[in-house]
Protein backbone atom coordinates (compact mmCIF):
# COMPACT_ATOMS: atom_id res chain seq x y z
CA UNK A 1 53.03 87.06 59.23
CA UNK A 2 53.24 85.87 55.64
CA UNK A 3 52.46 89.35 54.35
CA UNK A 4 55.55 90.77 56.03
CA UNK A 5 57.73 88.02 54.53
CA UNK A 6 56.62 88.76 50.98
CA UNK A 7 58.77 91.89 50.95
CA UNK A 8 61.93 89.81 51.40
CA UNK A 9 63.86 88.21 48.56
CA UNK A 10 64.62 84.54 49.19
CA UNK A 11 67.36 82.69 47.26
CA UNK A 12 68.98 79.28 47.47
CA UNK A 13 72.61 79.98 48.22
CA UNK A 14 75.42 77.95 49.69
CA UNK A 15 77.81 79.46 52.24
CA UNK A 16 81.46 79.21 51.11
CA UNK A 17 83.54 76.86 53.24
CA UNK A 18 86.79 78.76 52.83
CA UNK A 19 87.94 82.20 51.79
CA UNK A 20 89.50 82.34 48.31
CA UNK A 21 93.28 82.77 48.31
CA UNK A 22 92.93 86.04 46.41
CA UNK A 23 90.81 87.46 49.23
CA UNK A 24 93.29 86.20 51.84
CA UNK A 25 96.15 88.07 50.13
CA UNK A 26 94.04 91.19 49.84
CA UNK A 27 93.08 91.02 53.54
CA UNK A 28 96.72 90.54 54.55
CA UNK A 29 97.78 93.61 52.59
CA UNK A 30 94.93 95.71 54.00
CA UNK A 31 95.86 94.65 57.55
CA UNK A 32 99.47 95.67 57.00
CA UNK A 33 98.35 99.03 55.57
CA UNK A 34 96.23 99.53 58.70
CA UNK A 35 99.27 98.78 60.89
CA UNK A 36 101.29 101.38 58.99
CA UNK A 37 98.53 103.95 59.51
CA UNK A 38 98.51 103.19 63.23
CA UNK A 39 102.33 103.45 63.34
CA UNK A 40 102.28 106.88 61.67
CA UNK A 41 99.50 108.13 63.96
CA UNK A 42 101.42 106.94 67.03
CA UNK A 43 104.60 108.68 65.85
CA UNK A 44 102.67 111.92 65.37
CA UNK A 45 101.31 111.66 68.91
CA UNK A 46 104.73 110.77 70.31
CA UNK A 47 103.59 107.34 71.49
CA UNK A 48 105.40 104.04 70.94
CA UNK A 49 103.29 101.66 68.83
CA UNK A 50 103.95 97.96 69.30
CA UNK A 51 101.00 95.61 68.86
CA UNK A 52 101.22 92.29 70.65
CA UNK A 53 101.20 88.82 69.12
CA UNK A 54 101.06 85.41 70.80
CA UNK A 55 104.13 83.20 70.87
CA UNK A 56 104.51 79.63 72.15
CA UNK A 57 107.49 79.17 74.47
CA UNK A 58 108.60 75.93 76.12
CA UNK A 59 109.61 76.21 79.77
CA UNK A 60 113.08 74.71 80.19
CA UNK A 61 112.46 73.35 83.68
CA UNK A 62 109.01 71.79 83.32
CA UNK A 63 108.82 71.31 79.55
CA UNK A 64 105.41 72.94 79.55
CA UNK A 65 104.46 75.04 76.53
CA UNK A 66 103.17 78.49 77.44
CA UNK A 67 101.65 81.15 75.23
CA UNK A 68 103.00 84.60 75.95
CA UNK A 69 102.35 87.97 74.35
CA UNK A 70 105.34 89.69 72.80
CA UNK A 71 105.50 93.03 70.99
CA UNK A 72 105.42 92.69 67.22
CA UNK A 73 108.14 94.52 65.33
CA UNK A 74 106.74 96.75 62.61
CA UNK A 75 109.12 98.26 60.11
CA UNK A 76 108.00 101.56 58.59
CA UNK A 77 107.36 101.60 54.86
CA UNK A 78 108.31 105.27 54.60
CA UNK A 79 111.61 107.14 54.66
CA UNK A 80 112.99 110.60 53.96
CA UNK A 81 114.85 110.93 50.66
CA UNK A 82 117.95 113.02 49.95
CA UNK A 83 115.87 115.96 48.73
CA UNK A 84 113.91 116.04 52.02
CA UNK A 85 110.68 114.58 50.67
CA UNK A 86 108.95 111.63 52.27
CA UNK A 87 108.91 108.44 50.21
CA UNK A 88 106.50 105.54 50.69
CA UNK A 89 106.88 101.99 49.39
CA UNK A 90 103.97 99.55 49.59
CA UNK A 91 105.21 96.11 50.63
CA UNK A 92 103.74 92.63 50.53
CA UNK A 93 105.87 90.62 52.92
CA UNK A 94 109.42 91.77 52.29
CA UNK A 95 108.84 92.58 48.61
CA UNK A 96 108.13 96.09 47.37
CA UNK A 97 105.06 96.24 45.13
CA UNK A 98 105.12 98.40 42.02
CA UNK A 99 101.71 100.02 42.44
CA UNK A 100 102.06 102.29 39.42
CA UNK A 101 102.99 99.50 36.99
CA UNK A 102 105.65 101.78 35.47
CA UNK A 103 108.73 100.37 37.28
CA UNK A 104 108.43 103.14 39.89
CA UNK A 105 107.57 101.45 43.19
CA UNK A 106 108.06 104.53 45.41
CA UNK A 107 105.40 107.16 46.09
CA UNK A 108 106.94 110.59 46.75
CA UNK A 109 105.10 112.89 49.15
CA UNK A 110 105.74 116.53 50.03
CA UNK A 111 105.66 115.95 53.79
CA UNK A 112 104.83 113.36 56.44
CA UNK A 113 101.32 114.76 56.93
CA UNK A 114 100.24 113.20 53.62
CA UNK A 115 101.25 109.66 54.65
CA UNK A 116 98.00 108.65 56.32
CA UNK A 117 95.89 110.11 53.52
CA UNK A 118 97.95 108.26 50.89
CA UNK A 119 97.82 104.95 52.75
CA UNK A 120 94.04 105.29 53.14
CA UNK A 121 93.77 105.95 49.40
CA UNK A 122 95.80 102.81 48.59
CA UNK A 123 93.73 100.80 51.08
CA UNK A 124 90.47 101.87 49.42
CA UNK A 125 91.90 101.08 45.97
CA UNK A 126 92.92 97.58 47.06
CA UNK A 127 89.49 96.84 48.52
CA UNK A 128 87.83 98.13 45.35
CA UNK A 129 90.08 96.16 42.98
CA UNK A 130 88.00 93.55 41.17
CA UNK A 131 90.70 90.88 40.88
CA UNK A 132 94.13 90.34 42.35
CA UNK A 133 95.88 87.18 41.19
CA UNK A 134 99.27 87.98 42.68
CA UNK A 135 100.48 90.64 45.12
CA UNK A 136 102.13 92.51 42.25
CA UNK A 137 98.72 92.99 40.60
CA UNK A 138 97.27 94.89 43.53
CA UNK A 139 95.76 97.81 41.68
């Protein structure tokens, strides 16, 4: 048994007790990008996309607090511009993030078919970013 354990590398390491705030912000942004990808895919298929979230509601008669599932409202980050091209703005909360760093926060696409591919590219870039101190420093 000891001969099979010699191939393993043992280290003394301590498990972190909480996730760093930088990683929390990054995870939040990646989750929102994933929701946008699901929204676009549902629109292509002609299906209504409304994920559910839990909400606590107090019953007026009994005063009991119940948890019910309600559809979450997701606002699309994309729109069609005046010239007919699809524009995409990456948002963190309600703020638009300038991904390019050149005071140009909107990504212009030729058509709606490129939306999912572009969002996947941004998602991979965010996960690969070494440091993110604030949401504006995503990439």
